[in-house]
């Protein structure tokens, strides 16, 4: 069993090496592209910013138009989608429901507080079963087994250092 875990750990190590190699290559090439195409990169950034500003202005104008006219399709390509929301104080709603519709009001268990009590004194609540499970964690910096050589399938990414 531990041999299987060691092999799987080694495969994770190899996959991380391959991914890191590709990340490094990608970052280098992206930096080269951005340096070689600085004007294009800046122009693209300004163009996308301009689009966002124009869309924001259009939305604001369309919503203002809707508030005045109620019109949901002010121009082709622009529509108003209505959303209904309710605003009220929860205490007022509970007070009303207790008299008008009591079936809407339910007692609610404070699960967080109950769990704290049950964990501290499990015998005090006999209907609770304490279940302990394990959750695997993987170290950020893995070291492969001595002599481990990843296969091509382990790496499955070109450009790996092996």
Foldseek 3Di string as FASTA:
>chain_A
DVVVVLVVLQLVVLQVLLVVLVVVVVVVVVVVVCVVPVVVVVVVVVVVVVVVVVVVVVVVVVVVVCVVPVAQDPDPPGGDDDDDDDDDDPVVVCVCCVPPPVVVDDDDDPVVVVVVVCVVPVVVPVVDDDDDDDDDDRDPDDDHDPPDDDDCVSHVHPSRPD
